[in-house]
């Protein structure tokens, strides 16, 4: 298994994952529902025979792999791929010994997108128009999403739910990036200051402390 690619959902059916197995090819799959994944995990845990476990993993593979060719032509599937894909599906479904770690990491990713313009527009649309859900709204093109959001915003303005139109700001960092020449000149200046201070502090009782302070200052700039 080399890599896993995650694509956007299509027609509310969940996100599509594609796992690459070297030269053999790709296996596209989607995750089962949460309860379904828990049922599979329970079945695996209660099964003692390797043969039964293999059949359960095969069922997971058949249900979740979206390509009928990949899912049902067993003779073309190298040994281990069904097992690997089934285990990956369970892992991505939060089933495993490191479930807490995976959950926290994925939760951080989701929290990072909560205040993105697109997510905010989706949340506002769903709160105004009850016919939309986060799943169905993904079927809209970006232009359609903005248009529906404008309608939701207009309704909120008309009913007094919000006093002014929403404002979306660019939160990208505006910190100045030093050029290579700037960094070189800064380093030369620091070295000059350091050498000059060494000469002036020969008889200073606080010589070592002042030298350390300057070195720390130089380290912060790197």
Protein backbone atom coordinates (compact mmCIF):
# COMPACT_ATOMS: atom_id res chain seq x y z
CA UNK A 1 0.00 0.00 0.00
CA UNK A 2 1.59 3.26 -1.12
CA UNK A 3 -0.87 6.10 -0.57
CA UNK A 4 -4.47 7.02 0.19
CA UNK A 5 -6.28 9.80 -1.65
CA UNK A 6 -9.48 11.32 -0.29
CA UNK A 7 -11.97 12.95 -2.66
CA UNK A 8 -15.11 15.00 -2.06
CA UNK A 9 -18.43 13.25 -1.67
CA UNK A 10 -20.73 12.66 -4.62
CA UNK A 11 -24.54 12.88 -4.32
CA UNK A 12 -24.46 12.65 -0.54
CA UNK A 13 -22.91 9.16 -0.50
CA UNK A 14 -19.87 10.04 1.55
CA UNK A 15 -16.26 10.73 0.73
CA UNK A 16 -14.46 8.61 -1.79
CA UNK A 17 -11.06 7.15 -0.87
CA UNK A 18 -8.58 5.72 -3.34
CA UNK A 19 -5.73 3.52 -2.14
CA UNK A 20 -2.83 2.73 -4.46
CA UNK A 21 -1.18 -0.69 -4.52
CA UNK A 22 1.94 -0.15 -6.61
CA UNK A 23 1.75 -1.39 -10.18
CA UNK A 24 -1.32 -3.51 -9.48
CA UNK A 25 -3.56 -0.47 -9.43
CA UNK A 26 -6.04 1.51 -7.35
CA UNK A 27 -8.91 0.45 -5.12
CA UNK A 28 -11.66 3.10 -4.67
CA UNK A 29 -13.85 2.74 -1.61
CA UNK A 30 -16.21 4.56 0.70
CA UNK A 31 -16.71 4.13 4.42
CA UNK A 32 -19.69 2.26 5.87
CA UNK A 33 -22.08 3.92 8.29
CA UNK A 34 -20.83 4.22 11.86
CA UNK A 35 -23.15 1.49 13.21
CA UNK A 36 -22.28 -0.82 10.32
CA UNK A 37 -18.55 -0.41 11.01
CA UNK A 38 -19.11 -1.19 14.70
CA UNK A 39 -21.04 -4.35 13.74
CA UNK A 40 -18.17 -5.50 11.52
CA UNK A 41 -15.67 -4.83 14.31
CA UNK A 42 -17.78 -6.79 16.78
CA UNK A 43 -18.06 -9.70 14.35
CA UNK A 44 -14.29 -9.79 13.90
CA UNK A 45 -13.72 -9.68 17.65
CA UNK A 46 -16.16 -12.52 18.33
CA UNK A 47 -14.77 -14.72 15.55
CA UNK A 48 -11.92 -17.05 16.44
CA UNK A 49 -11.18 -18.81 13.16
CA UNK A 50 -8.96 -17.19 10.56
CA UNK A 51 -11.29 -18.39 7.82
CA UNK A 52 -14.31 -16.64 9.36
CA UNK A 53 -12.34 -13.42 9.86
CA UNK A 54 -11.25 -13.58 6.22
CA UNK A 55 -14.90 -13.89 5.13
CA UNK A 56 -15.88 -10.86 7.25
CA UNK A 57 -13.08 -8.77 5.75
CA UNK A 58 -14.15 -9.91 2.31
CA UNK A 59 -17.69 -8.73 3.05
CA UNK A 60 -16.35 -5.34 4.18
CA UNK A 61 -14.35 -5.14 0.96
CA UNK A 62 -17.35 -6.06 -1.23
CA UNK A 63 -19.66 -3.56 0.48
CA UNK A 64 -17.32 -0.57 0.49
CA UNK A 65 -15.30 -0.85 -2.72
CA UNK A 66 -17.20 1.20 -5.30
CA UNK A 67 -15.74 -0.51 -8.38
CA UNK A 68 -17.60 -3.72 -9.25
CA UNK A 69 -14.60 -4.97 -11.19
CA UNK A 70 -12.29 -4.52 -8.19
CA UNK A 71 -14.88 -5.84 -5.72
CA UNK A 72 -15.93 -9.07 -7.41
CA UNK A 73 -13.13 -10.36 -9.65
CA UNK A 74 -11.36 -12.24 -6.85
CA UNK A 75 -8.99 -14.03 -9.17
CA UNK A 76 -7.43 -10.71 -10.19
CA UNK A 77 -6.88 -9.49 -6.62
CA UNK A 78 -3.44 -10.34 -5.16
CA UNK A 79 -3.33 -11.94 -1.73
CA UNK A 80 -3.40 -9.42 1.08
CA UNK A 81 -5.16 -6.58 -0.71
CA UNK A 82 -8.64 -7.50 0.54
CA UNK A 83 -7.26 -7.79 4.07
CA UNK A 84 -5.38 -4.47 3.82
CA UNK A 85 -8.33 -2.54 2.39
CA UNK A 86 -10.76 -3.96 4.96
CA UNK A 87 -8.43 -3.04 7.83
CA UNK A 88 -7.96 0.46 6.38
CA UNK A 89 -11.73 0.91 6.13
CA UNK A 90 -12.13 -0.06 9.79
CA UNK A 91 -9.26 2.21 10.84
CA UNK A 92 -10.78 5.20 9.01
CA UNK A 93 -14.09 4.33 10.67
CA UNK A 94 -12.54 4.78 14.10
CA UNK A 95 -12.12 1.08 14.83
CA UNK A 96 -8.78 0.14 16.34
CA UNK A 97 -6.52 0.24 19.39
CA UNK A 98 -5.51 3.85 18.65
CA UNK A 99 -9.09 5.07 18.22
CA UNK A 100 -8.67 7.94 20.70
CA UNK A 101 -5.52 9.24 18.99
CA UNK A 102 -7.10 8.99 15.53
CA UNK A 103 -10.31 10.67 16.75
CA UNK A 104 -8.46 13.60 18.31
CA UNK A 105 -6.27 14.11 15.26
CA UNK A 106 -9.21 14.02 12.86
CA UNK A 107 -11.24 16.27 15.16
CA UNK A 108 -8.45 18.86 15.04
CA UNK A 109 -8.55 18.73 11.24
CA UNK A 110 -12.32 19.26 11.24
CA UNK A 111 -12.11 22.08 13.78
CA UNK A 112 -9.60 23.79 11.52
CA UNK A 113 -12.22 24.05 8.76
CA UNK A 114 -15.13 25.21 10.93
CA UNK A 115 -14.56 28.91 10.26
CA UNK A 116 -13.54 28.65 6.62
CA UNK A 117 -15.80 30.75 4.31
CA UNK A 118 -17.21 27.67 2.58
CA UNK A 119 -18.06 25.87 5.83
CA UNK A 120 -19.63 29.02 7.29
CA UNK A 121 -21.79 29.44 4.19
CA UNK A 122 -22.93 25.82 4.42
CA UNK A 123 -23.77 26.19 8.11
CA UNK A 124 -25.79 29.37 7.50
CA UNK A 125 -27.68 27.85 4.55
CA UNK A 126 -28.65 24.79 6.61
CA UNK A 127 -29.83 26.97 9.49
CA UNK A 128 -32.08 29.06 7.20
CA UNK A 129 -33.31 26.50 4.69
CA UNK A 130 -34.26 23.28 6.49
CA UNK A 131 -34.38 21.36 3.22
CA UNK A 132 -30.58 21.44 3.01
CA UNK A 133 -28.20 19.23 4.96
CA UNK A 134 -24.42 19.19 5.01
CA UNK A 135 -24.57 16.08 2.83
CA UNK A 136 -26.96 17.36 0.17
CA UNK A 137 -25.40 20.79 0.01
CA UNK A 138 -22.19 19.22 -1.26
CA UNK A 139 -23.99 18.45 -4.52
CA UNK A 140 -24.08 22.17 -5.32
CA UNK A 141 -21.37 23.72 -7.47
CA UNK A 142 -19.40 26.51 -5.80
CA UNK A 143 -21.30 29.16 -7.77
CA UNK A 144 -24.63 27.59 -6.75
CA UNK A 145 -23.45 27.47 -3.14
CA UNK A 146 -22.69 31.20 -3.14
CA UNK A 147 -26.05 31.99 -4.78
CA UNK A 148 -28.00 29.99 -2.19
CA UNK A 149 -25.96 31.59 0.58
CA UNK A 150 -26.85 35.06 -0.78
CA UNK A 151 -30.54 34.11 -0.59
CA UNK A 152 -30.14 32.89 2.98
CA UNK A 153 -28.27 36.05 3.93
CA UNK A 154 -31.00 38.23 2.37
CA UNK A 155 -33.67 36.41 4.36
CA UNK A 156 -31.70 36.89 7.58
CA UNK A 157 -31.30 40.60 6.85
CA UNK A 158 -35.00 41.02 6.06
CA UNK A 159 -36.10 39.30 9.26
CA UNK A 160 -33.58 41.15 11.42
CA UNK A 161 -31.61 38.03 12.35
CA UNK A 162 -28.42 39.85 11.38
CA UNK A 163 -27.88 43.63 11.19
CA UNK A 164 -25.39 43.63 8.31
CA UNK A 165 -24.20 41.33 5.51
CA UNK A 166 -21.54 38.80 6.46
CA UNK A 167 -17.94 39.81 5.96
CA UNK A 168 -15.25 37.32 5.06
CA UNK A 169 -11.69 38.42 5.79
CA UNK A 170 -8.42 37.07 4.54
CA UNK A 171 -6.66 35.74 7.63
CA UNK A 172 -3.43 34.93 5.83
CA UNK A 173 -0.32 36.09 7.64
CA UNK A 174 0.97 39.53 6.65
CA UNK A 175 4.33 39.06 8.31
CA UNK A 176 7.18 40.34 6.17
CA UNK A 177 9.33 37.58 4.75
CA UNK A 178 13.02 38.40 4.71
CA UNK A 179 14.91 37.82 1.51
CA UNK A 180 18.14 35.81 1.40
CA UNK A 181 20.14 39.06 1.18
CA UNK A 182 18.34 40.42 4.25
CA UNK A 183 19.25 37.33 6.26
CA UNK A 184 22.89 37.43 5.14
CA UNK A 185 23.22 41.13 6.03
CA UNK A 186 21.53 40.52 9.37
CA UNK A 187 23.96 37.69 10.16
CA UNK A 188 26.97 39.88 9.19
CA UNK A 189 25.72 42.68 11.42
CA UNK A 190 25.23 40.32 14.34
CA UNK A 191 28.73 38.90 13.96
CA UNK A 192 30.18 42.42 13.81
CA UNK A 193 28.26 43.34 16.97
CA UNK A 194 29.42 40.16 18.67
CA UNK A 195 33.10 40.78 17.86
CA UNK A 196 32.85 44.39 18.95
CA UNK A 197 31.22 43.40 22.22
CA UNK A 198 33.91 40.81 22.88
CA UNK A 199 36.53 43.53 22.61
CA UNK A 200 34.63 45.94 24.87
CA UNK A 201 33.83 43.37 27.54
CA UNK A 202 37.29 42.03 28.32
CA UNK A 203 37.24 43.48 31.82
CA UNK A 204 33.47 43.53 32.33
CA UNK A 205 32.32 41.21 35.19
CA UNK A 206 29.03 40.62 33.34
CA UNK A 207 30.83 39.79 30.11
CA UNK A 208 29.59 36.19 29.79
CA UNK A 209 25.96 37.08 30.53
CA UNK A 210 25.92 39.86 27.91
CA UNK A 211 27.51 37.59 25.33
CA UNK A 212 24.89 34.92 26.00
CA UNK A 213 22.11 37.52 25.64
CA UNK A 214 23.43 38.52 22.21
CA UNK A 215 23.76 34.90 21.08
CA UNK A 216 20.17 34.23 22.12
CA UNK A 217 19.08 37.26 20.12
CA UNK A 218 20.90 35.91 17.07
CA UNK A 219 19.31 32.47 17.51
CA UNK A 220 15.79 33.93 17.55
CA UNK A 221 16.41 35.53 14.16
CA UNK A 222 17.35 32.24 12.51
